[in-house]
Amino acid sequence: MRFVKESLIYPLPEDQDIAEIEASFRIQLPIAYKEFLKHYNGCTVIDSTPLTIIFFRYC
């Protein structure tokens, strides 16, 4: 993934910061998203791996 370095939001959150957000919203964020926040804390993505769309067929 490439991103605009100037778009990172500092300071980067730590585990405690993320835990406080989860508690305040009463949610559990996925581990991968927590790691993303700790490294990038939101940013402008230039390109990334395309998502695969899965269509479910209900019978």
PDB file of N, CA and C in Angstrom:
ATOM      1  N   MET A   1       0.839  -1.167   0.000  1.00  0.00           N
ATOM      2  CA  MET A   1       0.000   0.000   0.000  1.00  0.00           C
ATOM      3  C   MET A   1       0.890   1.237   0.000  1.00  0.00           C
ATOM      4  N   ARG A   2       0.571   2.162  -0.880  1.00  0.00           N
ATOM      5  CA  ARG A   2       1.276   3.441  -0.897  1.00  0.00           C
ATOM      6  C   ARG A   2       0.328   4.519  -0.384  1.00  0.00           C
ATOM      7  N   PHE A   3       0.873   5.476   0.330  1.00  0.00           N
ATOM      8  CA  PHE A   3       0.041   6.518   0.899  1.00  0.00           C
ATOM      9  C   PHE A   3       0.814   7.834   0.921  1.00  0.00           C
ATOM     10  N   VAL A   4       0.106   8.923   1.117  1.00  0.00           N
ATOM     11  CA  VAL A   4       0.705  10.245   1.197  1.00  0.00           C
ATOM     12  C   VAL A   4       1.232  10.427   2.622  1.00  0.00           C
ATOM     13  N   LYS A   5       2.559  10.502   2.771  1.00  0.00           N
ATOM     14  CA  LYS A   5       3.154  10.574   4.108  1.00  0.00           C
ATOM     15  C   LYS A   5       2.676  11.786   4.897  1.00  0.00           C
ATOM     16  N   GLU A   6       2.418  12.880   4.221  1.00  0.00           N
ATOM     17  CA  GLU A   6       1.968  14.087   4.903  1.00  0.00           C
ATOM     18  C   GLU A   6       0.550  13.952   5.449  1.00  0.00           C
ATOM     19  N   SER A   7      -0.159  12.901   5.050  1.00  0.00           N
ATOM     20  CA  SER A   7      -1.543  12.739   5.486  1.00  0.00           C
ATOM     21  C   SER A   7      -1.668  11.940   6.784  1.00  0.00           C
ATOM     22  N   LEU A   8      -0.549  11.424   7.312  1.00  0.00           N
ATOM     23  CA  LEU A   8      -0.610  10.712   8.587  1.00  0.00           C
ATOM     24  C   LEU A   8      -1.059  11.661   9.675  1.00  0.00           C
ATOM     25  N   ILE A   9      -1.818  11.159  10.631  1.00  0.00           N
ATOM     26  CA  ILE A   9      -2.316  11.971  11.731  1.00  0.00           C
ATOM     27  C   ILE A   9      -1.504  11.616  12.983  1.00  0.00           C
ATOM     28  N   TYR A  10      -0.797  12.601  13.510  1.00  0.00           N
ATOM     29  CA  TYR A  10       0.029  12.397  14.703  1.00  0.00           C
ATOM     30  C   TYR A  10      -0.633  13.030  15.907  1.00  0.00           C
ATOM     31  N   PRO A  11      -0.405  12.550  17.097  1.00  0.00           N
ATOM     32  CA  PRO A  11       0.424  11.403  17.435  1.00  0.00           C
ATOM     33  C   PRO A  11      -0.297  10.103  17.086  1.00  0.00           C
ATOM     34  N   LEU A  12       0.490   9.078  16.804  1.00  0.00           N
ATOM     35  CA  LEU A  12      -0.079   7.772  16.512  1.00  0.00           C
ATOM     36  C   LEU A  12      -0.668   7.197  17.802  1.00  0.00           C
ATOM     37  N   PRO A  13      -1.828   6.564  17.719  1.00  0.00           N
ATOM     38  CA  PRO A  13      -2.444   6.028  18.931  1.00  0.00           C
ATOM     39  C   PRO A  13      -1.712   4.796  19.453  1.00  0.00           C
ATOM     40  N   GLU A  14      -1.788   4.622  20.745  1.00  0.00           N
ATOM     41  CA  GLU A  14      -1.232   3.432  21.390  1.00  0.00           C
ATOM     42  C   GLU A  14      -2.388   2.514  21.769  1.00  0.00           C
ATOM     43  N   ASP A  15      -2.055   1.319  22.259  1.00  0.00           N
ATOM     44  CA  ASP A  15      -3.086   0.338  22.623  1.00  0.00           C
ATOM     45  C   ASP A  15      -4.121   0.930  23.579  1.00  0.00           C
ATOM     46  N   GLN A  16      -3.664   1.690  24.566  1.00  0.00           N
ATOM     47  CA  GLN A  16      -4.576   2.277  25.545  1.00  0.00           C
ATOM     48  C   GLN A  16      -5.546   3.248  24.884  1.00  0.00           C
ATOM     49  N   ASP A  17      -5.072   4.032  23.930  1.00  0.00           N
ATOM     50  CA  ASP A  17      -5.941   4.984  23.227  1.00  0.00           C
ATOM     51  C   ASP A  17      -7.048   4.252  22.467  1.00  0.00           C
ATOM     52  N   ILE A  18      -6.664   3.193  21.792  1.00  0.00           N
ATOM     53  CA  ILE A  18      -7.639   2.410  21.018  1.00  0.00           C
ATOM     54  C   ILE A  18      -8.626   1.721  21.955  1.00  0.00           C
ATOM     55  N   ALA A  19      -8.138   1.216  23.082  1.00  0.00           N
ATOM     56  CA  ALA A  19      -9.015   0.563  24.066  1.00  0.00           C
ATOM     57  C   ALA A  19     -10.040   1.548  24.612  1.00  0.00           C
ATOM     58  N   GLU A  20      -9.647   2.793  24.823  1.00  0.00           N
ATOM     59  CA  GLU A  20     -10.587   3.811  25.309  1.00  0.00           C
ATOM     60  C   GLU A  20     -11.685   4.086  24.282  1.00  0.00           C
ATOM     61  N   ILE A  21     -11.310   4.137  23.015  1.00  0.00           N
ATOM     62  CA  ILE A  21     -12.309   4.352  21.956  1.00  0.00           C
ATOM     63  C   ILE A  21     -13.272   3.172  21.881  1.00  0.00           C
ATOM     64  N   GLU A  22     -12.719   1.952  21.936  1.00  0.00           N
ATOM     65  CA  GLU A  22     -13.573   0.762  21.905  1.00  0.00           C
ATOM     66  C   GLU A  22     -14.556   0.778  23.081  1.00  0.00           C
ATOM     67  N   ALA A  23     -14.075   1.140  24.256  1.00  0.00           N
ATOM     68  CA  ALA A  23     -14.936   1.163  25.441  1.00  0.00           C
ATOM     69  C   ALA A  23     -16.011   2.238  25.324  1.00  0.00           C
ATOM     70  N   SER A  24     -15.638   3.392  24.812  1.00  0.00           N
ATOM     71  CA  SER A  24     -16.615   4.480  24.725  1.00  0.00           C
ATOM     72  C   SER A  24     -17.726   4.182  23.719  1.00  0.00           C
ATOM     73  N   PHE A  25     -17.403   3.443  22.653  1.00  0.00           N
ATOM     74  CA  PHE A  25     -18.413   3.076  21.652  1.00  0.00           C
ATOM     75  C   PHE A  25     -18.990   1.683  21.883  1.00  0.00           C
ATOM     76  N   ARG A  26     -18.450   0.981  22.879  1.00  0.00           N
ATOM     77  CA  ARG A  26     -18.869  -0.394  23.198  1.00  0.00           C
ATOM     78  C   ARG A  26     -18.752  -1.309  21.983  1.00  0.00           C
ATOM     79  N   ILE A  27     -17.576  -1.253  21.367  1.00  0.00           N
ATOM     80  CA  ILE A  27     -17.296  -2.087  20.193  1.00  0.00           C
ATOM     81  C   ILE A  27     -15.950  -2.764  20.361  1.00  0.00           C
ATOM     82  N   GLN A  28     -15.683  -3.744  19.523  1.00  0.00           N
ATOM     83  CA  GLN A  28     -14.381  -4.400  19.459  1.00  0.00           C
ATOM     84  C   GLN A  28     -13.896  -4.284  18.022  1.00  0.00           C
ATOM     85  N   LEU A  29     -12.855  -3.500  17.803  1.00  0.00           N
ATOM     86  CA  LEU A  29     -12.317  -3.327  16.457  1.00  0.00           C
ATOM     87  C   LEU A  29     -11.505  -4.562  16.050  1.00  0.00           C
ATOM     88  N   PRO A  30     -11.492  -4.892  14.767  1.00  0.00           N
ATOM     89  CA  PRO A  30     -10.666  -6.019  14.300  1.00  0.00           C
ATOM     90  C   PRO A  30      -9.185  -5.735  14.549  1.00  0.00           C
ATOM     91  N   ILE A  31      -8.447  -6.776  14.833  1.00  0.00           N
ATOM     92  CA  ILE A  31      -7.015  -6.650  15.128  1.00  0.00           C
ATOM     93  C   ILE A  31      -6.273  -5.965  13.985  1.00  0.00           C
ATOM     94  N   ALA A  32      -6.582  -6.336  12.742  1.00  0.00           N
ATOM     95  CA  ALA A  32      -5.891  -5.737  11.590  1.00  0.00           C
ATOM     96  C   ALA A  32      -6.131  -4.234  11.529  1.00  0.00           C
ATOM     97  N   TYR A  33      -7.342  -3.797  11.878  1.00  0.00           N
ATOM     98  CA  TYR A  33      -7.641  -2.370  11.848  1.00  0.00           C
ATOM     99  C   TYR A  33      -6.899  -1.635  12.965  1.00  0.00           C
ATOM    100  N   LYS A  34      -6.788  -2.267  14.128  1.00  0.00           N
ATOM    101  CA  LYS A  34      -6.031  -1.667  15.231  1.00  0.00           C
ATOM    102  C   LYS A  34      -4.570  -1.475  14.829  1.00  0.00           C
ATOM    103  N   GLU A  35      -4.007  -2.472  14.164  1.00  0.00           N
ATOM    104  CA  GLU A  35      -2.615  -2.363  13.708  1.00  0.00           C
ATOM    105  C   GLU A  35      -2.469  -1.246  12.674  1.00  0.00           C
ATOM    106  N   PHE A  36      -3.451  -1.117  11.786  1.00  0.00           N
ATOM    107  CA  PHE A  36      -3.439  -0.035  10.804  1.00  0.00           C
ATOM    108  C   PHE A  36      -3.426   1.312  11.513  1.00  0.00           C
ATOM    109  N   LEU A  37      -4.297   1.471  12.508  1.00  0.00           N
ATOM    110  CA  LEU A  37      -4.350   2.733  13.241  1.00  0.00           C
ATOM    111  C   LEU A  37      -3.030   3.041  13.933  1.00  0.00           C
ATOM    112  N   LYS A  38      -2.406   2.025  14.524  1.00  0.00           N
ATOM    113  CA  LYS A  38      -1.147   2.247  15.255  1.00  0.00           C
ATOM    114  C   LYS A  38       0.002   2.627  14.327  1.00  0.00           C
ATOM    115  N   HIS A  39      -0.084   2.249  13.051  1.00  0.00           N
ATOM    116  CA  HIS A  39       0.990   2.569  12.106  1.00  0.00           C
ATOM    117  C   HIS A  39       0.703   3.797  11.257  1.00  0.00           C
ATOM    118  N   TYR A  40      -0.569   4.034  10.944  1.00  0.00           N
ATOM    119  CA  TYR A  40      -0.902   5.104  10.009  1.00  0.00           C
ATOM    120  C   TYR A  40      -1.891   6.130  10.575  1.00  0.00           C
ATOM    121  N   ASN A  41      -2.763   5.717  11.498  1.00  0.00           N
ATOM    122  CA  ASN A  41      -3.750   6.588  12.133  1.00  0.00           C
ATOM    123  C   ASN A  41      -4.534   7.398  11.113  1.00  0.00           C
ATOM    124  N   GLY A  42      -4.946   6.749  10.084  1.00  0.00           N
ATOM    125  CA  GLY A  42      -5.675   7.447   9.023  1.00  0.00           C
ATOM    126  C   GLY A  42      -4.671   8.065   8.065  1.00  0.00           C
ATOM    127  N   CYS A  43      -4.924   8.003   6.817  1.00  0.00           N
ATOM    128  CA  CYS A  43      -4.020   8.562   5.823  1.00  0.00           C
ATOM    129  C   CYS A  43      -4.736   8.557   4.477  1.00  0.00           C
ATOM    130  N   THR A  44      -4.130   9.221   3.512  1.00  0.00           N
ATOM    131  CA  THR A  44      -4.654   9.211   2.158  1.00  0.00           C
ATOM    132  C   THR A  44      -3.929   8.118   1.385  1.00  0.00           C
ATOM    133  N   VAL A  45      -4.661   7.124   0.945  1.00  0.00           N
ATOM    134  CA  VAL A  45      -4.072   5.990   0.235  1.00  0.00           C
ATOM    135  C   VAL A  45      -3.955   6.328  -1.250  1.00  0.00           C
ATOM    136  N   ILE A  46      -2.781   6.075  -1.819  1.00  0.00           N
ATOM    137  CA  ILE A  46      -2.560   6.303  -3.248  1.00  0.00           C
ATOM    138  C   ILE A  46      -3.013   5.090  -4.036  1.00  0.00           C
ATOM    139  N   ASP A  47      -2.594   3.937  -3.599  1.00  0.00           N
ATOM    140  CA  ASP A  47      -3.037   2.697  -4.224  1.00  0.00           C
ATOM    141  C   ASP A  47      -2.951   1.579  -3.193  1.00  0.00           C
ATOM    142  N   SER A  48      -3.722   0.566  -3.415  1.00  0.00           N
ATOM    143  CA  SER A  48      -3.733  -0.573  -2.510  1.00  0.00           C
ATOM    144  C   SER A  48      -4.190  -1.795  -3.275  1.00  0.00           C
ATOM    145  N   THR A  49      -4.162  -2.914  -2.615  1.00  0.00           N
ATOM    146  CA  THR A  49      -4.627  -4.144  -3.225  1.00  0.00           C
ATOM    147  C   THR A  49      -6.131  -4.052  -3.440  1.00  0.00           C
ATOM    148  N   PRO A  50      -6.592  -4.299  -4.650  1.00  0.00           N
ATOM    149  CA  PRO A  50      -8.034  -4.208  -4.893  1.00  0.00           C
ATOM    150  C   PRO A  50      -8.800  -5.224  -4.057  1.00  0.00           C
ATOM    151  N   LEU A  51      -9.970  -4.831  -3.640  1.00  0.00           N
ATOM    152  CA  LEU A  51     -10.820  -5.733  -2.875  1.00  0.00           C
ATOM    153  C   LEU A  51     -11.542  -6.675  -3.823  1.00  0.00           C
ATOM    154  N   THR A  52     -11.748  -7.879  -3.376  1.00  0.00           N
ATOM    155  CA  THR A  52     -12.509  -8.852  -4.144  1.00  0.00           C
ATOM    156  C   THR A  52     -13.940  -8.837  -3.629  1.00  0.00           C
ATOM    157  N   ILE A  53     -14.860  -8.683  -4.528  1.00  0.00           N
ATOM    158  CA  ILE A  53     -16.265  -8.653  -4.157  1.00  0.00           C
ATOM    159  C   ILE A  53     -16.840 -10.065  -4.303  1.00  0.00           C
ATOM    160  N   ILE A  54     -17.456 -10.511  -3.242  1.00  0.00           N
ATOM    161  CA  ILE A  54     -18.056 -11.843  -3.239  1.00  0.00           C
ATOM    162  C   ILE A  54     -19.561 -11.670  -3.246  1.00  0.00           C
ATOM    163  N   PHE A  55     -20.203 -12.253  -4.225  1.00  0.00           N
ATOM    164  CA  PHE A  55     -21.646 -12.199  -4.303  1.00  0.00           C
ATOM    165  C   PHE A  55     -22.226 -13.503  -3.750  1.00  0.00           C
ATOM    166  N   PHE A  56     -23.138 -13.361  -2.803  1.00  0.00           N
ATOM    167  CA  PHE A  56     -23.775 -14.538  -2.242  1.00  0.00           C
ATOM    168  C   PHE A  56     -25.122 -14.729  -2.938  1.00  0.00           C
ATOM    169  N   ARG A  57     -25.415 -15.951  -3.216  1.00  0.00           N
ATOM    170  CA  ARG A  57     -26.683 -16.260  -3.873  1.00  0.00           C
ATOM    171  C   ARG A  57     -27.562 -16.992  -2.869  1.00  0.00           C
ATOM    172  N   TYR A  58     -28.709 -16.420  -2.623  1.00  0.00           N
ATOM    173  CA  TYR A  58     -29.634 -17.026  -1.679  1.00  0.00           C
ATOM    174  C   TYR A  58     -30.670 -17.835  -2.466  1.00  0.00           C
ATOM    175  N   CYS A  59     -30.910 -19.041  -2.034  1.00  0.00           N
ATOM    176  CA  CYS A  59     -31.893 -19.905  -2.698  1.00  0.00           C
ATOM    177  C   CYS A  59     -33.161 -19.996  -1.888  1.00  0.00           C
TER     178      CYS A  59
END
